[in-house]
Each structure stands twice: as C-alpha cells, then as structure tokens.
PDB file of all heavy atoms in Angstrom:
ATOM      1  N   LEU A   1     -11.482  13.839  42.213  1.00  0.00           N
ATOM      2  CA  LEU A   1     -11.709  12.624  41.436  1.00  0.00           C
ATOM      3  C   LEU A   1     -13.055  12.673  40.712  1.00  0.00           C
ATOM      4  O   LEU A   1     -13.165  12.224  39.559  1.00  0.00           O
ATOM      5  CB  LEU A   1     -11.631  11.402  42.348  1.00  0.00           C
ATOM      6  CG  LEU A   1     -10.239  11.107  42.921  1.00  0.00           C
ATOM      7  CD1 LEU A   1     -10.311  10.030  43.997  1.00  0.00           C
ATOM      8  CD2 LEU A   1      -9.273  10.696  41.817  1.00  0.00           C
ATOM      9  N   ILE A   2     -14.065  13.217  41.354  1.00  0.00           N
ATOM     10  CA  ILE A   2     -15.373  13.367  40.700  1.00  0.00           C
ATOM     11  C   ILE A   2     -15.254  14.341  39.521  1.00  0.00           C
ATOM     12  O   ILE A   2     -15.794  14.093  38.427  1.00  0.00           O
ATOM     13  CB  ILE A   2     -16.431  13.854  41.709  1.00  0.00           C
ATOM     14  CG1 ILE A   2     -16.691  12.774  42.752  1.00  0.00           C
ATOM     15  CG2 ILE A   2     -17.727  14.239  40.996  1.00  0.00           C
ATOM     16  CD1 ILE A   2     -17.554  13.240  43.912  1.00  0.00           C
ATOM     17  N   ALA A   3     -14.538  15.438  39.732  1.00  0.00           N
ATOM     18  CA  ALA A   3     -14.366  16.426  38.667  1.00  0.00           C
ATOM     19  C   ALA A   3     -13.619  15.827  37.472  1.00  0.00           C
ATOM     20  O   ALA A   3     -13.996  16.044  36.311  1.00  0.00           O
ATOM     21  CB  ALA A   3     -13.617  17.644  39.205  1.00  0.00           C
ATOM     22  N   LEU A   4     -12.573  15.034  37.740  1.00  0.00           N
ATOM     23  CA  LEU A   4     -11.796  14.448  36.647  1.00  0.00           C
ATOM     24  C   LEU A   4     -12.595  13.377  35.907  1.00  0.00           C
ATOM     25  O   LEU A   4     -12.484  13.250  34.679  1.00  0.00           O
ATOM     26  CB  LEU A   4     -10.487  13.876  37.189  1.00  0.00           C
ATOM     27  CG  LEU A   4      -9.487  14.926  37.680  1.00  0.00           C
ATOM     28  CD1 LEU A   4      -8.298  14.269  38.358  1.00  0.00           C
ATOM     29  CD2 LEU A   4      -9.014  15.792  36.520  1.00  0.00           C
ATOM     30  N   ALA A   5     -13.415  12.612  36.624  1.00  0.00           N
ATOM     31  CA  ALA A   5     -14.290  11.647  35.949  1.00  0.00           C
ATOM     32  C   ALA A   5     -15.282  12.381  35.050  1.00  0.00           C
ATOM     33  O   ALA A   5     -15.572  11.934  33.921  1.00  0.00           O
ATOM     34  CB  ALA A   5     -15.035  10.800  36.979  1.00  0.00           C
ATOM     35  N   SER A   6     -15.780  13.513  35.518  1.00  0.00           N
ATOM     36  CA  SER A   6     -16.717  14.309  34.713  1.00  0.00           C
ATOM     37  C   SER A   6     -16.035  14.863  33.464  1.00  0.00           C
ATOM     38  O   SER A   6     -16.618  14.882  32.377  1.00  0.00           O
ATOM     39  CB  SER A   6     -17.296  15.454  35.553  1.00  0.00           C
ATOM     40  OG  SER A   6     -17.957  14.958  36.693  1.00  0.00           O
ATOM     41  N   VAL A   7     -14.782  15.317  33.623  1.00  0.00           N
ATOM     42  CA  VAL A   7     -14.033  15.830  32.471  1.00  0.00           C
ATOM     43  C   VAL A   7     -13.813  14.726  31.439  1.00  0.00           C
ATOM     44  O   VAL A   7     -13.941  14.944  30.226  1.00  0.00           O
ATOM     45  CB  VAL A   7     -12.687  16.421  32.930  1.00  0.00           C
ATOM     46  CG1 VAL A   7     -11.790  16.716  31.725  1.00  0.00           C
ATOM     47  CG2 VAL A   7     -12.910  17.690  33.731  1.00  0.00           C
ATOM     48  N   ALA A   8     -13.473  13.516  31.908  1.00  0.00           N
ATOM     49  CA  ALA A   8     -13.289  12.393  30.983  1.00  0.00           C
ATOM     50  C   ALA A   8     -14.571  12.123  30.202  1.00  0.00           C
ATOM     51  O   ALA A   8     -14.540  11.902  28.982  1.00  0.00           O
ATOM     52  CB  ALA A   8     -12.860  11.147  31.763  1.00  0.00           C
ATOM     53  N   LEU A   9     -15.714  12.152  30.872  1.00  0.00           N
ATOM     54  CA  LEU A   9     -16.991  11.917  30.193  1.00  0.00           C
ATOM     55  C   LEU A   9     -17.366  13.069  29.279  1.00  0.00           C
ATOM     56  O   LEU A   9     -18.100  12.879  28.295  1.00  0.00           O
ATOM     57  CB  LEU A   9     -18.090  11.689  31.229  1.00  0.00           C
ATOM     58  CG  LEU A   9     -17.965  10.401  32.049  1.00  0.00           C
ATOM     59  CD1 LEU A   9     -19.021  10.362  33.142  1.00  0.00           C
ATOM     60  CD2 LEU A   9     -18.089   9.168  31.144  1.00  0.00           C
ATOM     61  N   LEU A  10     -16.850  14.257  29.563  1.00  0.00           N
ATOM     62  CA  LEU A  10     -17.124  15.417  28.719  1.00  0.00           C
ATOM     63  C   LEU A  10     -16.668  15.190  27.283  1.00  0.00           C
ATOM     64  O   LEU A  10     -17.258  15.738  26.341  1.00  0.00           O
ATOM     65  CB  LEU A  10     -16.424  16.655  29.300  1.00  0.00           C
ATOM     66  CG  LEU A  10     -16.536  17.962  28.514  1.00  0.00           C
ATOM     67  CD1 LEU A  10     -17.978  18.470  28.541  1.00  0.00           C
ATOM     68  CD2 LEU A  10     -15.589  19.018  29.087  1.00  0.00           C
ATOM     69  N   SER A  11     -15.636  14.371  27.111  1.00  0.00           N
ATOM     70  CA  SER A  11     -15.137  14.118  25.755  1.00  0.00           C
ATOM     71  C   SER A  11     -16.196  13.485  24.859  1.00  0.00           C
ATOM     72  O   SER A  11     -16.123  13.591  23.632  1.00  0.00           O
ATOM     73  CB  SER A  11     -13.892  13.233  25.806  1.00  0.00           C
ATOM     74  OG  SER A  11     -14.191  11.973  26.377  1.00  0.00           O
ATOM     75  N   LEU A  12     -17.189  12.824  25.443  1.00  0.00           N
ATOM     76  CA  LEU A  12     -18.251  12.208  24.642  1.00  0.00           C
ATOM     77  C   LEU A  12     -19.046  13.253  23.864  1.00  0.00           C
ATOM     78  O   LEU A  12     -19.628  12.943  22.821  1.00  0.00           O
ATOM     79  CB  LEU A  12     -19.198  11.404  25.539  1.00  0.00           C
ATOM     80  CG  LEU A  12     -18.598  10.183  26.236  1.00  0.00           C
ATOM     81  CD1 LEU A  12     -19.605   9.593  27.215  1.00  0.00           C
ATOM     82  CD2 LEU A  12     -18.169   9.131  25.216  1.00  0.00           C
ATOM     83  N   THR A  13     -19.075  14.482  24.363  1.00  0.00           N
ATOM     84  CA  THR A  13     -19.830  15.527  23.664  1.00  0.00           C
ATOM     85  C   THR A  13     -19.180  15.921  22.343  1.00  0.00           C
ATOM     86  O   THR A  13     -19.788  16.636  21.543  1.00  0.00           O
ATOM     87  CB  THR A  13     -19.985  16.778  24.546  1.00  0.00           C
ATOM     88  OG1 THR A  13     -18.690  17.320  24.840  1.00  0.00           O
ATOM     89  CG2 THR A  13     -20.692  16.436  25.848  1.00  0.00           C
ATOM     90  N   SER A  14     -17.942  15.465  22.101  1.00  0.00           N
ATOM     91  CA  SER A  14     -17.285  15.764  20.816  1.00  0.00           C
ATOM     92  C   SER A  14     -17.819  14.892  19.683  1.00  0.00           C
ATOM     93  O   SER A  14     -17.653  15.228  18.507  1.00  0.00           O
ATOM     94  CB  SER A  14     -15.775  15.570  20.941  1.00  0.00           C
ATOM     95  OG  SER A  14     -15.444  14.203  21.135  1.00  0.00           O
ATOM     96  N   ILE A  15     -18.453  13.777  20.016  1.00  0.00           N
ATOM     97  CA  ILE A  15     -18.866  12.806  18.993  1.00  0.00           C
ATOM     98  C   ILE A  15     -19.807  13.413  17.951  1.00  0.00           C
ATOM     99  O   ILE A  15     -19.582  13.246  16.738  1.00  0.00           O
ATOM    100  CB  ILE A  15     -19.484  11.560  19.657  1.00  0.00           C
ATOM    101  CG1 ILE A  15     -18.398  10.799  20.435  1.00  0.00           C
ATOM    102  CG2 ILE A  15     -20.144  10.650  18.627  1.00  0.00           C
ATOM    103  CD1 ILE A  15     -18.920   9.642  21.265  1.00  0.00           C
ATOM    104  N   PRO A  16     -20.878  14.126  18.349  1.00  0.00           N
ATOM    105  CA  PRO A  16     -21.757  14.703  17.319  1.00  0.00           C
ATOM    106  C   PRO A  16     -21.044  15.693  16.398  1.00  0.00           C
ATOM    107  O   PRO A  16     -21.391  15.804  15.217  1.00  0.00           O
ATOM    108  CB  PRO A  16     -22.849  15.412  18.141  1.00  0.00           C
ATOM    109  CG  PRO A  16     -22.800  14.779  19.485  1.00  0.00           C
ATOM    110  CD  PRO A  16     -21.384  14.389  19.716  1.00  0.00           C
ATOM    111  N   PHE A  17     -20.040  16.392  16.902  1.00  0.00           N
ATOM    112  CA  PHE A  17     -19.325  17.381  16.098  1.00  0.00           C
ATOM    113  C   PHE A  17     -18.451  16.726  15.028  1.00  0.00           C
ATOM    114  O   PHE A  17     -18.125  17.357  14.019  1.00  0.00           O
ATOM    115  CB  PHE A  17     -18.454  18.253  17.001  1.00  0.00           C
ATOM    116  CG  PHE A  17     -19.218  19.122  17.941  1.00  0.00           C
ATOM    117  CD1 PHE A  17     -19.570  18.665  19.199  1.00  0.00           C
ATOM    118  CD2 PHE A  17     -19.597  20.409  17.584  1.00  0.00           C
ATOM    119  CE1 PHE A  17     -20.278  19.465  20.082  1.00  0.00           C
ATOM    120  CE2 PHE A  17     -20.309  21.216  18.457  1.00  0.00           C
ATOM    121  CZ  PHE A  17     -20.661  20.742  19.706  1.00  0.00           C
ATOM    122  N   LEU A  18     -18.054  15.466  15.258  1.00  0.00           N
ATOM    123  CA  LEU A  18     -17.143  14.783  14.331  1.00  0.00           C
ATOM    124  C   LEU A  18     -17.862  13.742  13.480  1.00  0.00           C
ATOM    125  O   LEU A  18     -17.233  12.987  12.758  1.00  0.00           O
ATOM    126  CB  LEU A  18     -16.015  14.113  15.123  1.00  0.00           C
ATOM    127  CG  LEU A  18     -15.126  15.069  15.926  1.00  0.00           C
ATOM    128  CD1 LEU A  18     -14.224  14.304  16.878  1.00  0.00           C
ATOM    129  CD2 LEU A  18     -14.283  15.926  14.984  1.00  0.00           C
ATOM    130  N   ARG A  19     -19.183  13.708  13.557  1.00  0.00           N
ATOM    131  CA  ARG A  19     -19.950  12.655  12.898  1.00  0.00           C
ATOM    132  C   ARG A  19     -19.910  12.757  11.380  1.00  0.00           C
ATOM    133  O   ARG A  19     -19.989  11.758  10.678  1.00  0.00           O
ATOM    134  CB  ARG A  19     -21.391  12.710  13.397  1.00  0.00           C
ATOM    135  CG  ARG A  19     -22.278  11.588  12.892  1.00  0.00           C
ATOM    136  CD  ARG A  19     -23.625  11.638  13.576  1.00  0.00           C
ATOM    137  NE  ARG A  19     -23.505  11.354  15.007  1.00  0.00           N
ATOM    138  CZ  ARG A  19     -24.401  11.724  15.923  1.00  0.00           C
ATOM    139  NH1 ARG A  19     -25.465  12.426  15.565  1.00  0.00           N
ATOM    140  NH2 ARG A  19     -24.220  11.395  17.191  1.00  0.00           N
ATOM    141  N   SER A  20     -19.793  13.962  10.848  1.00  0.00           N
ATOM    142  CA  SER A  20     -19.910  14.138   9.394  1.00  0.00           C
ATOM    143  C   SER A  20     -18.745  13.547   8.633  1.00  0.00           C
ATOM    144  O   SER A  20     -18.886  13.163   7.466  1.00  0.00           O
ATOM    145  CB  SER A  20     -20.007  15.634   9.064  1.00  0.00           C
ATOM    146  OG  SER A  20     -18.787  16.292   9.366  1.00  0.00           O
ATOM    147  N   GLY A  21     -17.556  13.487   9.242  1.00  0.00           N
ATOM    148  CA  GLY A  21     -16.387  12.970   8.549  1.00  0.00           C
ATOM    149  C   GLY A  21     -15.741  13.956   7.602  1.00  0.00           C
ATOM    150  O   GLY A  21     -14.742  13.634   6.952  1.00  0.00           O
ATOM    151  N   GLU A  22     -16.263  15.187   7.494  1.00  0.00           N
ATOM    152  CA  GLU A  22     -15.708  16.152   6.552  1.00  0.00           C
ATOM    153  C   GLU A  22     -14.534  16.913   7.157  1.00  0.00           C
ATOM    154  O   GLU A  22     -14.316  16.885   8.368  1.00  0.00           O
ATOM    155  CB  GLU A  22     -16.787  17.131   6.091  1.00  0.00           C
ATOM    156  CG  GLU A  22     -17.360  18.012   7.176  1.00  0.00           C
ATOM    157  CD  GLU A  22     -18.497  18.879   6.672  1.00  0.00           C
ATOM    158  OE1 GLU A  22     -18.643  19.040   5.448  1.00  0.00           O
ATOM    159  OE2 GLU A  22     -19.245  19.404   7.511  1.00  0.00           O
ATOM    160  N   THR A  23     -13.771  17.578   6.294  1.00  0.00           N
ATOM    161  CA  THR A  23     -12.653  18.388   6.758  1.00  0.00           C
ATOM    162  C   THR A  23     -13.149  19.758   7.208  1.00  0.00           C
ATOM    163  O   THR A  23     -14.266  20.183   6.881  1.00  0.00           O
ATOM    164  CB  THR A  23     -11.611  18.587   5.653  1.00  0.00           C
ATOM    165  OG1 THR A  23     -12.215  19.331   4.573  1.00  0.00           O
ATOM    166  CG2 THR A  23     -11.109  17.247   5.127  1.00  0.00           C
ATOM    167  N   VAL A  24     -12.299  20.446   7.941  1.00  0.00           N
ATOM    168  CA  VAL A  24     -12.626  21.804   8.362  1.00  0.00           C
ATOM    169  C   VAL A  24     -12.830  22.695   7.133  1.00  0.00           C
ATOM    170  O   VAL A  24     -13.770  23.492   7.079  1.00  0.00           O
ATOM    171  CB  VAL A  24     -11.490  22.373   9.244  1.00  0.00           C
ATOM    172  CG1 VAL A  24     -11.689  23.871   9.501  1.00  0.00           C
ATOM    173  CG2 VAL A  24     -11.427  21.627  10.567  1.00  0.00           C
ATOM    174  N   ASP A  25     -11.968  22.526   6.122  1.00  0.00           N
ATOM    175  CA  ASP A  25     -12.064  23.344   4.905  1.00  0.00           C
ATOM    176  C   ASP A  25     -13.411  23.130   4.218  1.00  0.00           C
ATOM    177  O   ASP A  25     -14.068  24.096   3.817  1.00  0.00           O
ATOM    178  CB  ASP A  25     -10.933  22.984   3.933  1.00  0.00           C
ATOM    179  CG  ASP A  25      -9.576  23.023   4.590  1.00  0.00           C
ATOM    180  OD1 ASP A  25      -9.281  22.117   5.400  1.00  0.00           O
ATOM    181  OD2 ASP A  25      -8.805  23.950   4.312  1.00  0.00           O
ATOM    182  N   ALA A  26     -13.802  21.857   4.073  1.00  0.00           N
ATOM    183  CA  ALA A  26     -15.064  21.562   3.403  1.00  0.00           C
ATOM    184  C   ALA A  26     -16.245  22.110   4.186  1.00  0.00           C
ATOM    185  O   ALA A  26     -17.214  22.642   3.610  1.00  0.00           O
ATOM    186  CB  ALA A  26     -15.203  20.056   3.204  1.00  0.00           C
ATOM    187  N   GLU A  27     -16.166  22.001   5.512  1.00  0.00           N
ATOM    188  CA  GLU A  27     -17.263  22.501   6.347  1.00  0.00           C
ATOM    189  C   GLU A  27     -17.401  24.010   6.227  1.00  0.00           C
ATOM    190  O   GLU A  27     -18.506  24.540   6.044  1.00  0.00           O
ATOM    191  CB  GLU A  27     -17.020  22.112   7.801  1.00  0.00           C
ATOM    192  CG  GLU A  27     -18.127  22.606   8.730  1.00  0.00           C
ATOM    193  CD  GLU A  27     -17.733  22.579  10.196  1.00  0.00           C
ATOM    194  OE1 GLU A  27     -16.535  22.358  10.475  1.00  0.00           O
ATOM    195  OE2 GLU A  27     -18.612  22.793  11.036  1.00  0.00           O
TER     196      GLU A  27
END
C-alpha cells in the first residue's frame, strides 16, 4: 500500500514535462 501510494504521487512529476503545451513534433 505504501508503494502504490508512492506510485500514485509519482505521476505529479509529469507536470513539468507537460507545462509547455506544445506537441511532440513541435518540440
């Protein structure tokens, strides 16, 4: 349960990667 809670919180690290709003092609 601790590991799964940690995995759920891991998704927050995706936020900086998606901040620009651009497409993969444009990037």
